[in-house]
Amino acid sequence: MSAGTFLAAMLLVGVGGGAGSVLRWGIRTLGLRLVAAQGREHLREEIGPWTTVPANVLACFVLGVVVSLIGSSGGGGELMYMMLAAGFCGGLSTLSTAASDVIELVRRHTFSLALAYLLLSVGVGMAALWLGLVLAS
């Protein structure tokens, strides 16, 4: 990879990551606003961790579509792949927040919810990735 291509890749991954992060923030904010609009502000802490799941599932689905349509990171679509897969999907999904959410649920002594959250995140995320691959093929 030439220096110019490397610089372009860095810029595109940054742009994609920024867009994905903003969308993840928007999903969380929307979820919390919907809870507040229903007069359930007292559930804010209980609902908060669950707003990470749709962002992660959406990122897995989009990654499946990107891999199916563009392929791996080689070839002519290399920069587009980097922007969408590493940047956008990487910014939209967040393993660190999901892990933190599981720990928070455990601290609240809601072990069954923590396990359900973990299984739901991984299981539905993998199913969404597969669905993206299949639908875009």
C-alpha atoms as a PDB file:
ATOM      1  CA  MET A   1       0.000   0.000   0.000  1.00  0.00           C
ATOM      2  CA  SER A   2       1.466   3.327  -1.052  1.00  0.00           C
ATOM      3  CA  ALA A   3       1.734   6.257   1.330  1.00  0.00           C
ATOM      4  CA  GLY A   4      -1.087   8.053  -0.492  1.00  0.00           C
ATOM      5  CA  THR A   5      -3.374   5.035  -0.325  1.00  0.00           C
ATOM      6  CA  PHE A   6      -2.521   4.565   3.346  1.00  0.00           C
ATOM      7  CA  LEU A   7      -3.401   8.182   4.103  1.00  0.00           C
ATOM      8  CA  ALA A   8      -6.670   7.865   2.155  1.00  0.00           C
ATOM      9  CA  ALA A   9      -7.493   4.657   4.050  1.00  0.00           C
ATOM     10  CA  MET A  10      -6.861   6.364   7.399  1.00  0.00           C
ATOM     11  CA  LEU A  11      -9.112   9.254   6.440  1.00  0.00           C
ATOM     12  CA  LEU A  12     -11.903   6.992   5.172  1.00  0.00           C
ATOM     13  CA  VAL A  13     -11.778   4.723   8.223  1.00  0.00           C
ATOM     14  CA  GLY A  14     -12.003   7.847  10.395  1.00  0.00           C
ATOM     15  CA  VAL A  15     -14.984   9.195   8.452  1.00  0.00           C
ATOM     16  CA  GLY A  16     -16.734   5.812   8.547  1.00  0.00           C
ATOM     17  CA  GLY A  17     -15.953   5.352  12.240  1.00  0.00           C
ATOM     18  CA  GLY A  18     -17.288   8.801  13.037  1.00  0.00           C
ATOM     19  CA  ALA A  19     -20.535   8.117  11.180  1.00  0.00           C
ATOM     20  CA  GLY A  20     -20.957   4.741  12.891  1.00  0.00           C
ATOM     21  CA  SER A  21     -20.284   6.236  16.320  1.00  0.00           C
ATOM     22  CA  VAL A  22     -22.803   9.014  15.763  1.00  0.00           C
ATOM     23  CA  LEU A  23     -25.421   6.452  14.709  1.00  0.00           C
ATOM     24  CA  ARG A  24     -24.685   4.345  17.814  1.00  0.00           C
ATOM     25  CA  TRP A  25     -25.096   7.434  19.999  1.00  0.00           C
ATOM     26  CA  GLY A  26     -28.336   8.256  18.156  1.00  0.00           C
ATOM     27  CA  ILE A  27     -29.755   4.772  18.749  1.00  0.00           C
ATOM     28  CA  ARG A  28     -29.011   5.038  22.479  1.00  0.00           C
ATOM     29  CA  THR A  29     -30.422   8.568  22.711  1.00  0.00           C
ATOM     30  CA  LEU A  30     -33.576   7.571  20.824  1.00  0.00           C
ATOM     31  CA  GLY A  31     -34.095   4.556  23.082  1.00  0.00           C
ATOM     32  CA  LEU A  32     -33.745   6.629  26.221  1.00  0.00           C
ATOM     33  CA  ARG A  33     -36.025   9.368  24.855  1.00  0.00           C
ATOM     34  CA  LEU A  34     -38.701   6.815  24.013  1.00  0.00           C
ATOM     35  CA  VAL A  35     -38.561   5.553  27.592  1.00  0.00           C
ATOM     36  CA  ALA A  36     -38.841   9.107  28.923  1.00  0.00           C
ATOM     37  CA  ALA A  37     -41.709   9.933  26.526  1.00  0.00           C
ATOM     38  CA  GLN A  38     -43.664   6.998  27.925  1.00  0.00           C
ATOM     39  CA  GLY A  39     -43.299   8.424  31.416  1.00  0.00           C
ATOM     40  CA  ARG A  40     -40.889   5.685  32.449  1.00  0.00           C
ATOM     41  CA  GLU A  41     -37.897   7.847  33.264  1.00  0.00           C
ATOM     42  CA  HIS A  42     -37.321   5.690  36.356  1.00  0.00           C
ATOM     43  CA  LEU A  43     -36.396   2.788  34.015  1.00  0.00           C
ATOM     44  CA  ARG A  44     -33.572   4.751  32.365  1.00  0.00           C
ATOM     45  CA  GLU A  45     -30.801   2.768  34.070  1.00  0.00           C
ATOM     46  CA  GLU A  46     -32.476  -0.570  33.328  1.00  0.00           C
ATOM     47  CA  ILE A  47     -33.085   0.264  29.657  1.00  0.00           C
ATOM     48  CA  GLY A  48     -29.702   1.879  28.967  1.00  0.00           C
ATOM     49  CA  PRO A  49     -27.689  -1.311  28.471  1.00  0.00           C
ATOM     50  CA  TRP A  50     -30.273  -2.727  26.081  1.00  0.00           C
ATOM     51  CA  THR A  51     -29.757   0.144  23.624  1.00  0.00           C
ATOM     52  CA  THR A  52     -26.346  -1.316  22.752  1.00  0.00           C
ATOM     53  CA  VAL A  53     -27.860  -4.527  21.366  1.00  0.00           C
ATOM     54  CA  PRO A  54     -29.612  -3.007  18.318  1.00  0.00           C
ATOM     55  CA  ALA A  55     -26.489  -1.017  17.407  1.00  0.00           C
ATOM     56  CA  ASN A  56     -24.342  -4.149  17.541  1.00  0.00           C
ATOM     57  CA  VAL A  57     -26.875  -6.229  15.614  1.00  0.00           C
ATOM     58  CA  LEU A  58     -27.207  -3.541  12.934  1.00  0.00           C
ATOM     59  CA  ALA A  59     -23.406  -3.367  12.646  1.00  0.00           C
ATOM     60  CA  CYS A  60     -23.236  -7.152  12.182  1.00  0.00           C
ATOM     61  CA  PHE A  61     -25.924  -7.033   9.486  1.00  0.00           C
ATOM     62  CA  VAL A  62     -24.206  -4.180   7.618  1.00  0.00           C
ATOM     63  CA  LEU A  63     -20.878  -6.021   7.868  1.00  0.00           C
ATOM     64  CA  GLY A  64     -22.486  -9.080   6.294  1.00  0.00           C
ATOM     65  CA  VAL A  65     -23.774  -6.955   3.416  1.00  0.00           C
ATOM     66  CA  VAL A  66     -20.392  -5.250   2.977  1.00  0.00           C
ATOM     67  CA  VAL A  67     -18.476  -8.535   2.950  1.00  0.00           C
ATOM     68  CA  SER A  68     -20.942 -10.045   0.503  1.00  0.00           C
ATOM     69  CA  LEU A  69     -20.963  -7.097  -1.901  1.00  0.00           C
ATOM     70  CA  ILE A  70     -17.379  -5.879  -1.698  1.00  0.00           C
ATOM     71  CA  GLY A  71     -15.533  -8.975  -0.533  1.00  0.00           C
ATOM     72  CA  SER A  72     -12.469  -8.928   1.642  1.00  0.00           C
ATOM     73  CA  SER A  73     -10.152  -6.008   2.102  1.00  0.00           C
ATOM     74  CA  GLY A  74      -8.214  -6.757  -1.084  1.00  0.00           C
ATOM     75  CA  GLY A  75      -8.841  -5.730  -4.662  1.00  0.00           C
ATOM     76  CA  GLY A  76     -10.451  -2.658  -6.174  1.00  0.00           C
ATOM     77  CA  GLY A  77     -12.900  -2.022  -3.360  1.00  0.00           C
ATOM     78  CA  GLU A  78     -10.216  -1.980  -0.681  1.00  0.00           C
ATOM     79  CA  LEU A  79     -10.790   1.618   0.425  1.00  0.00           C
ATOM     80  CA  MET A  80     -14.580   1.276   0.412  1.00  0.00           C
ATOM     81  CA  TYR A  81     -14.267  -1.939   2.406  1.00  0.00           C
ATOM     82  CA  MET A  82     -12.040  -0.245   4.973  1.00  0.00           C
ATOM     83  CA  MET A  83     -14.384   2.717   5.326  1.00  0.00           C
ATOM     84  CA  LEU A  84     -17.488   0.550   5.763  1.00  0.00           C
ATOM     85  CA  ALA A  85     -16.164  -2.549   7.571  1.00  0.00           C
ATOM     86  CA  ALA A  86     -13.407  -1.187   9.810  1.00  0.00           C
ATOM     87  CA  GLY A  87     -14.759   2.362  10.018  1.00  0.00           C
ATOM     88  CA  PHE A  88     -18.557   2.424   9.972  1.00  0.00           C
ATOM     89  CA  CYS A  89     -19.250  -1.042  11.410  1.00  0.00           C
ATOM     90  CA  GLY A  90     -16.405  -0.657  13.904  1.00  0.00           C
ATOM     91  CA  GLY A  91     -17.803   2.679  15.085  1.00  0.00           C
ATOM     92  CA  LEU A  92     -21.383   1.451  15.205  1.00  0.00           C
ATOM     93  CA  SER A  93     -20.650  -1.732  17.144  1.00  0.00           C
ATOM     94  CA  THR A  94     -19.033  -1.775  20.514  1.00  0.00           C
ATOM     95  CA  LEU A  95     -17.800  -4.831  22.326  1.00  0.00           C
ATOM     96  CA  SER A  96     -16.438  -2.724  25.164  1.00  0.00           C
ATOM     97  CA  THR A  97     -19.837  -1.166  25.889  1.00  0.00           C
ATOM     98  CA  ALA A  98     -21.536  -4.552  25.655  1.00  0.00           C
ATOM     99  CA  ALA A  99     -19.021  -6.001  28.108  1.00  0.00           C
ATOM    100  CA  SER A 100     -19.561  -3.049  30.428  1.00  0.00           C
ATOM    101  CA  ASP A 101     -23.326  -3.546  30.170  1.00  0.00           C
ATOM    102  CA  VAL A 102     -22.979  -7.203  31.186  1.00  0.00           C
ATOM    103  CA  ILE A 103     -20.852  -6.221  34.190  1.00  0.00           C
ATOM    104  CA  GLU A 104     -23.420  -3.588  35.211  1.00  0.00           C
ATOM    105  CA  LEU A 105     -26.217  -6.169  35.054  1.00  0.00           C
ATOM    106  CA  VAL A 106     -24.145  -8.561  37.180  1.00  0.00           C
ATOM    107  CA  ARG A 107     -23.482  -5.792  39.722  1.00  0.00           C
ATOM    108  CA  ARG A 108     -27.222  -5.306  40.018  1.00  0.00           C
ATOM    109  CA  HIS A 109     -27.490  -9.020  40.821  1.00  0.00           C
ATOM    110  CA  THR A 110     -29.546  -9.667  37.703  1.00  0.00           C
ATOM    111  CA  PHE A 111     -27.477 -12.653  36.615  1.00  0.00           C
ATOM    112  CA  SER A 112     -30.158 -14.137  34.378  1.00  0.00           C
ATOM    113  CA  LEU A 113     -30.555 -10.811  32.566  1.00  0.00           C
ATOM    114  CA  ALA A 114     -26.777 -10.554  32.164  1.00  0.00           C
ATOM    115  CA  LEU A 115     -26.668 -14.020  30.625  1.00  0.00           C
ATOM    116  CA  ALA A 116     -29.661 -13.268  28.398  1.00  0.00           C
ATOM    117  CA  TYR A 117     -28.011 -10.021  27.269  1.00  0.00           C
ATOM    118  CA  LEU A 118     -24.782 -11.812  26.430  1.00  0.00           C
ATOM    119  CA  LEU A 119     -26.476 -14.651  24.553  1.00  0.00           C
ATOM    120  CA  LEU A 120     -28.824 -12.283  22.742  1.00  0.00           C
ATOM    121  CA  SER A 121     -25.987  -9.988  21.686  1.00  0.00           C
ATOM    122  CA  VAL A 122     -23.820 -12.786  20.328  1.00  0.00           C
ATOM    123  CA  GLY A 123     -26.579 -14.989  18.907  1.00  0.00           C
ATOM    124  CA  VAL A 124     -28.622 -12.289  17.224  1.00  0.00           C
ATOM    125  CA  GLY A 125     -25.448 -10.523  16.077  1.00  0.00           C
ATOM    126  CA  MET A 126     -24.205 -13.649  14.325  1.00  0.00           C
ATOM    127  CA  ALA A 127     -27.644 -14.270  12.832  1.00  0.00           C
ATOM    128  CA  ALA A 128     -27.711 -10.681  11.539  1.00  0.00           C
ATOM    129  CA  LEU A 129     -24.273 -11.113   9.983  1.00  0.00           C
ATOM    130  CA  TRP A 130     -25.427 -14.293   8.252  1.00  0.00           C
ATOM    131  CA  LEU A 131     -28.640 -12.589   7.088  1.00  0.00           C
ATOM    132  CA  GLY A 132     -26.654  -9.707   5.622  1.00  0.00           C
ATOM    133  CA  LEU A 133     -24.410 -12.141   3.775  1.00  0.00           C
ATOM    134  CA  VAL A 134     -27.363 -14.102   2.394  1.00  0.00           C
ATOM    135  CA  LEU A 135     -29.523 -11.138   1.414  1.00  0.00           C
ATOM    136  CA  ALA A 136     -26.712  -9.343  -0.362  1.00  0.00           C
ATOM    137  CA  SER A 137     -25.573 -12.439  -2.292  1.00  0.00           C
END
